[in-house]
Amino acid sequence: MAVTKAERRLRIRRHIRNKVAGTSERPRLSVFRSNTGIYAQIIDDTAGRTIVAASSKHVTAGDTPVATAAAVGKELASRAQEKGITQVVFDRSGYLYHGRVKSLAEGAREGGLKF
């Protein structure tokens, strides 16, 4: 039986999450990509809470989805800087590091986050 795209992503996501965990010193930057938008949040897994979040629904920039994703990354980085977060662990949630996910990561790096 063929594995669907969603099942494949879920398997990859579980594999990544076994290795990646956010601490209070170095929280996890998690990405969710839908057909219409991109969402990112910085999570402290030890406390089990979201520290900072940003999405394309609240950030307006660029004509292309890739440009919007970069703006979301920069916005997330600026919000994280306000909370005193400079280092994160990147969790791509099973998505390929390409296109919107890559653009978000590069935007966060430009905003001052290190990962």
N, C-alpha and C. Protein backbone atom coordinates (compact mmCIF):
# COMPACT_ATOMS: atom_id res chain seq x y z
N MET A 1 0.84 -1.18 0.00
CA MET A 1 0.00 0.00 0.00
C MET A 1 0.89 1.24 0.00
N ALA A 2 0.51 2.20 -0.79
CA ALA A 2 1.31 3.42 -0.94
C ALA A 2 1.14 4.34 0.27
N VAL A 3 2.22 4.96 0.64
CA VAL A 3 2.20 5.91 1.75
C VAL A 3 1.81 7.28 1.20
N THR A 4 0.84 7.91 1.86
CA THR A 4 0.41 9.22 1.40
C THR A 4 1.43 10.28 1.79
N LYS A 5 1.30 11.45 1.20
CA LYS A 5 2.20 12.55 1.47
C LYS A 5 2.13 12.97 2.95
N ALA A 6 0.93 13.00 3.50
CA ALA A 6 0.74 13.38 4.90
C ALA A 6 1.36 12.36 5.84
N GLU A 7 1.21 11.07 5.54
CA GLU A 7 1.80 10.03 6.37
C GLU A 7 3.33 10.08 6.32
N ARG A 8 3.87 10.37 5.16
CA ARG A 8 5.31 10.48 5.00
C ARG A 8 5.84 11.65 5.83
N ARG A 9 5.16 12.80 5.78
CA ARG A 9 5.58 13.96 6.54
C ARG A 9 5.50 13.69 8.04
N LEU A 10 4.45 12.99 8.46
CA LEU A 10 4.29 12.65 9.87
C LEU A 10 5.43 11.75 10.36
N ARG A 11 5.83 10.80 9.54
CA ARG A 11 6.94 9.91 9.90
C ARG A 11 8.24 10.71 10.03
N ILE A 12 8.50 11.59 9.09
CA ILE A 12 9.70 12.43 9.14
C ILE A 12 9.64 13.34 10.35
N ARG A 13 8.46 13.90 10.63
CA ARG A 13 8.28 14.81 11.76
C ARG A 13 8.59 14.11 13.09
N ARG A 14 8.11 12.88 13.24
CA ARG A 14 8.38 12.12 14.46
C ARG A 14 9.88 11.86 14.61
N HIS A 15 10.53 11.55 13.49
CA HIS A 15 11.96 11.29 13.50
C HIS A 15 12.73 12.54 13.95
N ILE A 16 12.33 13.70 13.45
CA ILE A 16 12.98 14.96 13.82
C ILE A 16 12.73 15.27 15.29
N ARG A 17 11.50 15.09 15.76
CA ARG A 17 11.14 15.44 17.13
C ARG A 17 11.81 14.53 18.16
N ASN A 18 12.23 13.33 17.75
CA ASN A 18 12.99 12.46 18.66
C ASN A 18 14.36 13.05 18.96
N LYS A 19 14.88 13.83 18.03
CA LYS A 19 16.22 14.40 18.18
C LYS A 19 16.20 15.85 18.66
N VAL A 20 15.13 16.60 18.32
CA VAL A 20 15.08 18.03 18.60
C VAL A 20 14.12 18.31 19.75
N ALA A 21 14.63 18.99 20.77
CA ALA A 21 13.78 19.40 21.89
C ALA A 21 14.24 20.77 22.35
N GLY A 22 13.29 21.63 22.69
CA GLY A 22 13.61 22.98 23.12
C GLY A 22 13.72 23.06 24.63
N THR A 23 14.73 23.77 25.10
CA THR A 23 14.90 24.01 26.52
C THR A 23 14.63 25.48 26.80
N SER A 24 14.70 25.87 28.06
CA SER A 24 14.48 27.26 28.38
C SER A 24 15.65 28.12 27.90
N GLU A 25 16.87 27.55 27.85
CA GLU A 25 18.03 28.30 27.34
C GLU A 25 18.01 28.37 25.82
N ARG A 26 17.58 27.28 25.18
CA ARG A 26 17.57 27.21 23.72
C ARG A 26 16.25 26.58 23.26
N PRO A 27 15.19 27.40 23.12
CA PRO A 27 13.88 26.87 22.76
C PRO A 27 13.81 26.41 21.30
N ARG A 28 12.72 25.76 20.97
CA ARG A 28 12.52 25.18 19.64
C ARG A 28 11.69 26.12 18.77
N LEU A 29 12.17 26.39 17.55
CA LEU A 29 11.42 27.18 16.58
C LEU A 29 10.69 26.20 15.67
N SER A 30 9.38 26.11 15.83
CA SER A 30 8.56 25.16 15.09
C SER A 30 7.85 25.87 13.94
N VAL A 31 7.79 25.22 12.78
CA VAL A 31 7.18 25.80 11.59
C VAL A 31 5.99 24.96 11.17
N PHE A 32 4.89 25.63 10.82
CA PHE A 32 3.75 24.96 10.19
C PHE A 32 3.43 25.69 8.90
N ARG A 33 3.29 24.93 7.83
CA ARG A 33 3.04 25.50 6.52
C ARG A 33 1.72 24.95 6.00
N SER A 34 0.81 25.85 5.67
CA SER A 34 -0.44 25.41 5.05
C SER A 34 -0.46 25.92 3.61
N ASN A 35 -1.52 25.62 2.90
CA ASN A 35 -1.61 26.11 1.53
C ASN A 35 -1.74 27.62 1.46
N THR A 36 -2.36 28.21 2.48
CA THR A 36 -2.62 29.65 2.44
C THR A 36 -1.65 30.48 3.27
N GLY A 37 -0.97 29.90 4.23
CA GLY A 37 -0.11 30.70 5.09
C GLY A 37 1.02 29.90 5.70
N ILE A 38 1.82 30.59 6.49
CA ILE A 38 2.91 29.96 7.21
C ILE A 38 2.91 30.50 8.63
N TYR A 39 3.14 29.59 9.58
CA TYR A 39 3.07 29.92 10.99
C TYR A 39 4.35 29.44 11.65
N ALA A 40 4.84 30.21 12.62
CA ALA A 40 6.04 29.82 13.35
C ALA A 40 5.87 30.19 14.81
N GLN A 41 6.39 29.35 15.68
CA GLN A 41 6.34 29.64 17.09
C GLN A 41 7.60 29.13 17.77
N ILE A 42 7.99 29.82 18.83
CA ILE A 42 9.13 29.42 19.62
C ILE A 42 8.59 28.80 20.90
N ILE A 43 8.99 27.55 21.16
CA ILE A 43 8.39 26.75 22.22
C ILE A 43 9.46 26.30 23.21
N ASP A 44 9.14 26.41 24.50
CA ASP A 44 9.95 25.84 25.57
C ASP A 44 9.32 24.49 25.91
N ASP A 45 9.95 23.41 25.49
CA ASP A 45 9.38 22.07 25.68
C ASP A 45 9.44 21.60 27.12
N THR A 46 10.39 22.09 27.90
CA THR A 46 10.46 21.67 29.30
C THR A 46 9.27 22.22 30.08
N ALA A 47 8.87 23.46 29.80
CA ALA A 47 7.71 24.05 30.47
C ALA A 47 6.42 23.74 29.71
N GLY A 48 6.54 23.35 28.44
CA GLY A 48 5.37 23.02 27.64
C GLY A 48 4.55 24.24 27.26
N ARG A 49 5.23 25.35 26.92
CA ARG A 49 4.48 26.55 26.56
C ARG A 49 5.12 27.27 25.39
N THR A 50 4.28 27.99 24.66
CA THR A 50 4.74 28.81 23.55
C THR A 50 5.19 30.15 24.10
N ILE A 51 6.39 30.57 23.72
CA ILE A 51 6.94 31.83 24.20
C ILE A 51 6.60 32.96 23.23
N VAL A 52 6.82 32.73 21.94
CA VAL A 52 6.60 33.74 20.91
C VAL A 52 5.99 33.06 19.69
N ALA A 53 5.10 33.77 19.00
CA ALA A 53 4.51 33.23 17.77
C ALA A 53 4.34 34.33 16.74
N ALA A 54 4.36 33.94 15.48
CA ALA A 54 4.11 34.87 14.38
C ALA A 54 3.53 34.07 13.22
N SER A 55 2.72 34.74 12.41
CA SER A 55 2.13 34.05 11.25
C SER A 55 1.95 35.02 10.11
N SER A 56 1.71 34.46 8.93
CA SER A 56 1.49 35.27 7.74
C SER A 56 0.14 35.96 7.78
N LYS A 57 -0.73 35.55 8.69
CA LYS A 57 -2.05 36.17 8.80
C LYS A 57 -1.94 37.58 9.39
N HIS A 58 -0.89 37.82 10.21
CA HIS A 58 -0.73 39.10 10.87
C HIS A 58 0.42 39.92 10.32
N VAL A 59 1.21 39.34 9.41
CA VAL A 59 2.35 40.05 8.82
C VAL A 59 2.04 40.27 7.35
N THR A 60 2.10 41.52 6.92
CA THR A 60 1.84 41.83 5.52
C THR A 60 3.13 42.31 4.89
N ALA A 61 3.65 41.54 3.96
CA ALA A 61 4.87 41.93 3.25
C ALA A 61 5.03 41.05 2.03
N GLY A 62 5.46 41.66 0.95
CA GLY A 62 5.81 40.92 -0.25
C GLY A 62 4.61 40.42 -1.03
N ASP A 63 4.85 40.23 -2.31
CA ASP A 63 3.81 39.73 -3.20
C ASP A 63 3.81 38.21 -3.25
N THR A 64 4.96 37.62 -3.00
CA THR A 64 5.08 36.17 -3.11
C THR A 64 5.02 35.51 -1.74
N PRO A 65 4.62 34.26 -1.68
CA PRO A 65 4.60 33.54 -0.41
C PRO A 65 5.99 33.42 0.22
N VAL A 66 7.03 33.34 -0.61
CA VAL A 66 8.40 33.22 -0.09
C VAL A 66 8.80 34.52 0.60
N ALA A 67 8.45 35.66 0.02
CA ALA A 67 8.76 36.95 0.63
C ALA A 67 7.98 37.14 1.93
N THR A 68 6.74 36.68 1.95
CA THR A 68 5.93 36.76 3.17
C THR A 68 6.53 35.89 4.27
N ALA A 69 7.01 34.71 3.91
CA ALA A 69 7.63 33.82 4.89
C ALA A 69 8.88 34.47 5.50
N ALA A 70 9.67 35.16 4.68
CA ALA A 70 10.85 35.85 5.20
C ALA A 70 10.45 36.94 6.18
N ALA A 71 9.37 37.66 5.87
CA ALA A 71 8.87 38.71 6.78
C ALA A 71 8.38 38.11 8.09
N VAL A 72 7.75 36.94 8.03
CA VAL A 72 7.30 36.26 9.25
C VAL A 72 8.50 35.88 10.11
N GLY A 73 9.57 35.39 9.46
CA GLY A 73 10.79 35.04 10.19
C GLY A 73 11.41 36.24 10.88
N LYS A 74 11.45 37.37 10.19
CA LYS A 74 12.00 38.59 10.78
C LYS A 74 11.14 39.07 11.95
N GLU A 75 9.83 39.01 11.79
CA GLU A 75 8.91 39.43 12.85
C GLU A 75 9.07 38.53 14.07
N LEU A 76 9.17 37.24 13.85
CA LEU A 76 9.36 36.29 14.95
C LEU A 76 10.67 36.57 15.67
N ALA A 77 11.73 36.86 14.91
CA ALA A 77 13.03 37.15 15.52
C ALA A 77 12.97 38.42 16.36
N SER A 78 12.28 39.44 15.87
CA SER A 78 12.21 40.68 16.64
C SER A 78 11.41 40.49 17.93
N ARG A 79 10.33 39.70 17.87
CA ARG A 79 9.55 39.40 19.08
C ARG A 79 10.37 38.58 20.06
N ALA A 80 11.19 37.66 19.53
CA ALA A 80 12.04 36.84 20.39
C ALA A 80 13.12 37.69 21.06
N GLN A 81 13.67 38.64 20.33
CA GLN A 81 14.69 39.53 20.90
C GLN A 81 14.12 40.31 22.07
N GLU A 82 12.85 40.73 21.97
CA GLU A 82 12.20 41.46 23.06
C GLU A 82 12.09 40.59 24.31
N LYS A 83 11.91 39.29 24.12
CA LYS A 83 11.79 38.36 25.25
C LYS A 83 13.16 37.86 25.73
N GLY A 84 14.23 38.28 25.05
CA GLY A 84 15.58 37.89 25.45
C GLY A 84 16.05 36.57 24.88
N ILE A 85 15.45 36.13 23.79
CA ILE A 85 15.83 34.87 23.15
C ILE A 85 16.73 35.16 21.96
N THR A 86 17.92 34.56 21.95
CA THR A 86 18.84 34.76 20.83
C THR A 86 19.18 33.46 20.12
N GLN A 87 19.10 32.32 20.82
CA GLN A 87 19.43 31.04 20.22
C GLN A 87 18.23 30.11 20.26
N VAL A 88 17.99 29.43 19.15
CA VAL A 88 16.88 28.48 19.05
C VAL A 88 17.36 27.21 18.34
N VAL A 89 16.53 26.18 18.44
CA VAL A 89 16.73 24.94 17.69
C VAL A 89 15.64 24.93 16.62
N PHE A 90 16.01 24.71 15.36
CA PHE A 90 15.06 24.79 14.26
C PHE A 90 14.37 23.44 14.05
N ASP A 91 13.03 23.45 14.05
CA ASP A 91 12.22 22.26 13.81
C ASP A 91 11.40 22.51 12.56
N ARG A 92 11.76 21.85 11.47
CA ARG A 92 11.07 22.08 10.21
C ARG A 92 9.79 21.26 10.06
N SER A 93 9.47 20.46 11.06
CA SER A 93 8.21 19.71 11.14
C SER A 93 7.95 18.80 9.95
N GLY A 94 8.99 18.22 9.41
CA GLY A 94 8.82 17.26 8.32
C GLY A 94 8.77 17.88 6.94
N TYR A 95 8.78 19.20 6.85
CA TYR A 95 8.79 19.86 5.55
C TYR A 95 10.21 19.91 5.03
N LEU A 96 10.36 19.91 3.72
CA LEU A 96 11.68 20.04 3.13
C LEU A 96 12.23 21.44 3.39
N TYR A 97 13.53 21.53 3.61
CA TYR A 97 14.17 22.84 3.85
C TYR A 97 14.34 23.49 2.48
N HIS A 98 13.25 24.08 2.00
CA HIS A 98 13.22 24.63 0.65
C HIS A 98 12.04 25.59 0.56
N GLY A 99 12.14 26.60 -0.25
CA GLY A 99 11.02 27.50 -0.48
C GLY A 99 10.64 28.33 0.73
N ARG A 100 9.38 28.22 1.16
CA ARG A 100 8.87 29.04 2.26
C ARG A 100 9.53 28.73 3.60
N VAL A 101 9.82 27.45 3.85
CA VAL A 101 10.45 27.07 5.12
C VAL A 101 11.88 27.64 5.18
N LYS A 102 12.61 27.52 4.10
CA LYS A 102 13.96 28.06 4.04
C LYS A 102 13.94 29.58 4.17
N SER A 103 13.00 30.22 3.50
CA SER A 103 12.88 31.67 3.55
C SER A 103 12.58 32.16 4.97
N LEU A 104 11.70 31.45 5.68
CA LEU A 104 11.38 31.80 7.06
C LEU A 104 12.63 31.68 7.94
N ALA A 105 13.39 30.61 7.76
CA ALA A 105 14.61 30.40 8.55
C ALA A 105 15.63 31.50 8.28
N GLU A 106 15.80 31.86 7.01
CA GLU A 106 16.77 32.91 6.67
C GLU A 106 16.32 34.26 7.19
N GLY A 107 15.00 34.52 7.17
CA GLY A 107 14.47 35.76 7.73
C GLY A 107 14.70 35.83 9.23
N ALA A 108 14.54 34.70 9.92
CA ALA A 108 14.78 34.66 11.36
C ALA A 108 16.26 34.90 11.66
N ARG A 109 17.14 34.35 10.83
CA ARG A 109 18.58 34.58 11.01
C ARG A 109 18.93 36.05 10.79
N GLU A 110 18.32 36.67 9.77
CA GLU A 110 18.56 38.09 9.51
C GLU A 110 18.05 38.93 10.68
N GLY A 111 16.98 38.48 11.32
CA GLY A 111 16.43 39.19 12.46
C GLY A 111 17.26 39.06 13.72
N GLY A 112 18.24 38.15 13.74
CA GLY A 112 19.13 38.05 14.88
C GLY A 112 19.11 36.73 15.63
N LEU A 113 18.29 35.77 15.20
CA LEU A 113 18.29 34.47 15.87
C LEU A 113 19.43 33.61 15.36
N LYS A 114 19.99 32.80 16.25
CA LYS A 114 21.08 31.90 15.88
C LYS A 114 20.59 30.46 16.04
N PHE A 115 20.78 29.67 14.97
CA PHE A 115 20.49 28.24 15.03
C PHE A 115 21.23 27.49 13.96
